[in-house]
Protein backbone atom coordinates (compact mmCIF):
# COMPACT_ATOMS: atom_id res chain seq x y z
CA MET A 1 113.20 141.46 113.18
CA SER A 2 111.27 140.27 110.20
CA GLU A 3 109.99 136.70 110.41
CA THR A 4 108.92 134.81 107.31
CA TYR A 5 105.97 132.45 107.71
CA VAL A 6 105.18 129.87 104.96
CA GLU A 7 102.76 126.97 105.24
CA CYS A 8 102.42 124.09 102.75
CA LEU A 9 100.10 121.10 102.92
CA VAL A 10 100.83 117.87 100.93
CA ALA A 11 98.50 114.87 100.76
CA ARG A 12 100.16 111.53 100.65
CA LYS A 13 98.81 109.07 98.12
CA SER A 14 97.01 106.16 99.76
CA SER A 15 98.30 102.75 98.80
CA PRO A 16 95.96 100.19 97.31
CA VAL A 17 96.78 97.75 100.05
CA MET A 18 95.58 100.18 102.74
CA SER A 19 92.32 100.93 100.82
CA PHE A 20 91.71 97.18 100.42
CA LEU A 21 92.48 96.47 104.10
CA LYS A 22 90.17 99.33 105.20
CA MET A 23 87.25 97.95 103.13
CA LEU A 24 87.87 94.34 104.22
CA LEU A 25 87.87 95.39 107.95
CA ILE A 26 84.78 97.38 107.55
CA MET A 27 83.02 94.46 105.87
CA LEU A 28 84.22 92.03 108.57
CA THR A 29 82.97 94.39 111.27
CA VAL A 30 79.49 94.42 109.68
CA VAL A 31 79.44 90.64 109.18
CA PHE A 32 80.55 89.87 112.70
CA GLY A 33 78.22 92.59 114.11
CA VAL A 34 75.28 90.81 112.50
CA LEU A 35 76.56 87.48 113.80
CA GLY A 36 77.12 89.04 117.23
CA VAL A 37 73.36 89.41 117.65
CA MET A 38 73.20 85.58 117.83
CA PHE A 39 76.60 84.68 119.27
CA ILE A 40 78.64 86.68 121.89
CA PRO A 41 82.06 85.79 120.30
CA GLY A 42 80.91 87.37 117.08
CA LEU A 43 80.26 90.59 118.92
CA LEU A 44 83.78 90.61 120.43
CA ILE A 45 85.29 90.00 116.99
CA ALA A 46 83.18 92.81 115.54
CA VAL A 47 84.46 95.24 118.17
CA ALA A 48 88.10 94.13 117.48
CA THR A 49 87.73 94.51 113.71
CA GLY A 50 85.97 97.87 114.23
CA ILE A 51 88.91 99.21 116.23
CA ALA A 52 91.32 97.91 113.65
CA ALA A 53 89.30 99.58 110.88
CA TYR A 54 89.45 102.89 112.79
CA PHE A 55 93.26 102.78 113.06
CA VAL A 56 93.69 101.75 109.42
CA THR A 57 91.43 104.62 108.26
CA MET A 58 93.32 107.10 110.33
CA ASN A 59 96.66 105.99 108.76
CA ALA A 60 95.32 105.58 105.24
CA ASN A 61 94.38 109.31 104.87
CA LEU A 62 97.63 111.09 105.66
CA GLU A 63 98.65 114.68 104.95
CA TYR A 64 101.87 116.42 105.87
CA GLU A 65 101.96 120.07 106.77
CA TYR A 66 105.26 121.99 106.47
CA LEU A 67 105.65 125.19 108.39
CA TYR A 68 108.59 127.54 107.84
CA LEU A 69 109.04 130.09 110.58
CA ASP A 70 112.13 131.74 111.91
CA ARG A 71 114.80 129.55 110.27
CA GLU A 72 113.03 126.30 111.14
CA ILE A 73 110.96 123.87 109.12
CA SER A 74 108.46 121.93 111.23
CA VAL A 75 106.59 118.93 109.82
CA ASP A 76 103.18 117.85 111.18
CA LYS A 77 101.30 114.71 110.24
CA VAL A 78 97.54 115.22 109.80
CA MET A 79 95.60 111.93 110.05
CA ALA A 80 92.15 111.70 108.44
CA LYS A 81 91.86 115.51 108.50
CA SER A 82 91.02 115.29 112.17
CA ARG A 83 94.14 114.58 114.24
CA ARG A 84 97.52 116.32 114.12
CA LYS A 85 100.86 115.06 115.33
CA LYS A 86 104.07 116.98 115.31
CA ILE A 87 106.78 114.83 113.67
CA GLY A 88 109.82 116.96 113.74
CA THR A 89 111.49 120.41 113.63
CA TYR A 90 114.48 120.88 111.45
CA GLY A 91 116.75 123.95 111.78
CA ILE A 92 118.17 125.52 108.63
CA ASP A 93 121.50 125.96 110.35
CA GLN A 94 121.98 122.10 110.41
CA MET A 95 120.83 121.68 106.81
CA GLU A 96 123.57 120.72 104.34
CA ILE A 97 121.64 120.85 101.11
CA LEU A 98 118.13 121.19 99.70
CA ALA A 99 117.71 120.16 96.02
CA PRO A 100 115.23 118.35 93.77
CA LEU A 101 115.43 114.54 93.92
CA ASN A 102 116.79 114.18 90.41
CA SER A 103 119.40 117.00 90.81
CA HIS A 104 123.01 116.27 89.99
CA ARG A 105 124.01 118.19 93.16
CA LEU A 106 122.81 115.21 95.26
CA ASP A 107 125.13 112.69 93.53
CA SER A 108 127.55 112.74 96.44
CA TYR A 109 124.78 111.79 98.88
CA LYS A 110 123.30 108.92 96.83
CA ASN A 111 125.83 106.27 97.99
CA ARG A 112 126.00 107.39 101.62
CA GLU A 113 124.02 105.36 104.10
CA LEU A 114 121.77 107.96 105.70
CA LYS A 115 118.48 107.55 107.53
CA THR A 116 115.72 108.37 105.06
CA VAL A 117 112.42 109.97 106.08
CA ASP A 118 109.74 110.57 103.44
CA TYR A 119 107.23 113.37 104.09
CA SER A 120 106.14 113.71 100.47
CA SER A 121 103.13 112.58 98.46
CA ARG A 122 105.24 109.70 97.11
CA VAL A 123 104.22 110.57 93.54
CA ALA A 124 106.92 111.19 91.01
CA ALA A 125 105.79 114.09 88.78
CA GLN A 126 107.30 115.76 85.72
CA PRO A 127 108.93 118.11 86.53
CA GLU A 128 109.99 116.70 89.84
CA ARG A 129 108.38 118.61 92.72
CA ARG A 130 109.98 116.50 95.52
CA TYR A 131 113.06 117.85 97.18
CA MET A 132 115.70 116.02 99.34
CA MET A 133 117.08 117.83 102.37
CA VAL A 134 120.23 116.44 103.97
CA TRP A 135 119.99 117.45 107.61
CA ASN A 136 122.64 117.17 110.31
CA GLY A 137 124.81 114.98 108.15
CA ASP A 138 122.89 111.82 108.96
CA THR A 139 119.37 112.22 107.75
CA LYS A 140 117.81 112.45 104.23
CA ILE A 141 114.42 114.17 104.39
CA ILE A 142 112.20 114.03 101.34
CA LEU A 143 109.75 116.92 101.13
CA GLU A 144 107.43 118.44 98.59
CA PRO A 145 107.51 122.17 99.34
CA ASN A 146 105.83 124.85 97.26
CA GLU A 147 107.73 127.62 95.48
CA GLU A 148 107.04 130.17 98.25
CA MET A 149 108.70 127.86 100.88
CA ILE A 150 111.71 127.23 98.55
CA LYS A 151 112.23 130.95 98.10
CA ALA A 152 111.98 131.58 101.84
CA VAL A 153 114.61 128.99 102.71
CA GLN A 154 116.79 130.15 99.78
CA SER A 155 116.70 133.74 101.13
CA ILE A 156 118.19 132.47 104.43
CA ALA A 157 120.69 129.93 103.06
CA PRO A 158 121.37 130.74 99.35
CA ARG A 159 124.36 128.41 99.05
CA LYS A 160 122.50 125.35 100.34
CA VAL A 161 119.30 125.54 98.30
CA PHE A 162 119.19 124.57 94.62
CA THR A 163 116.28 124.57 92.24
CA ASP A 164 117.87 123.01 89.12
């Protein structure tokens, strides 16, 4: 049995709001840390803003890793290049269609109310590199796979994968 293994890593663009919030929390931590030397409540606030800054930093630097192995696409979320969390596994057998976001083949899915999950960089490029996968009839998954992954999925399900 031949197994195809393809790996793809996509960095999500950080929003300006998250960058601003991260810098604000770091500055507040420093200010309240200095004030904490004189007043105990300042030290408690510095600890709280430091913890908040840590979590904002972890969620501001996100990457998604797609793994295609044995008729399954698994998606992992990599936070700040240090922590990994498995988000989901999607079988090709339950996939209805995989096509670029601007493809006319997705027109019948545009007006349907489906749960939408975005695992892409959230950057619209020319030509469009983001793909939409309709999975299990109730979920739209937006991915940004490389050409090798598209060809691997297309070799398994040629009537469900489109590249136009």
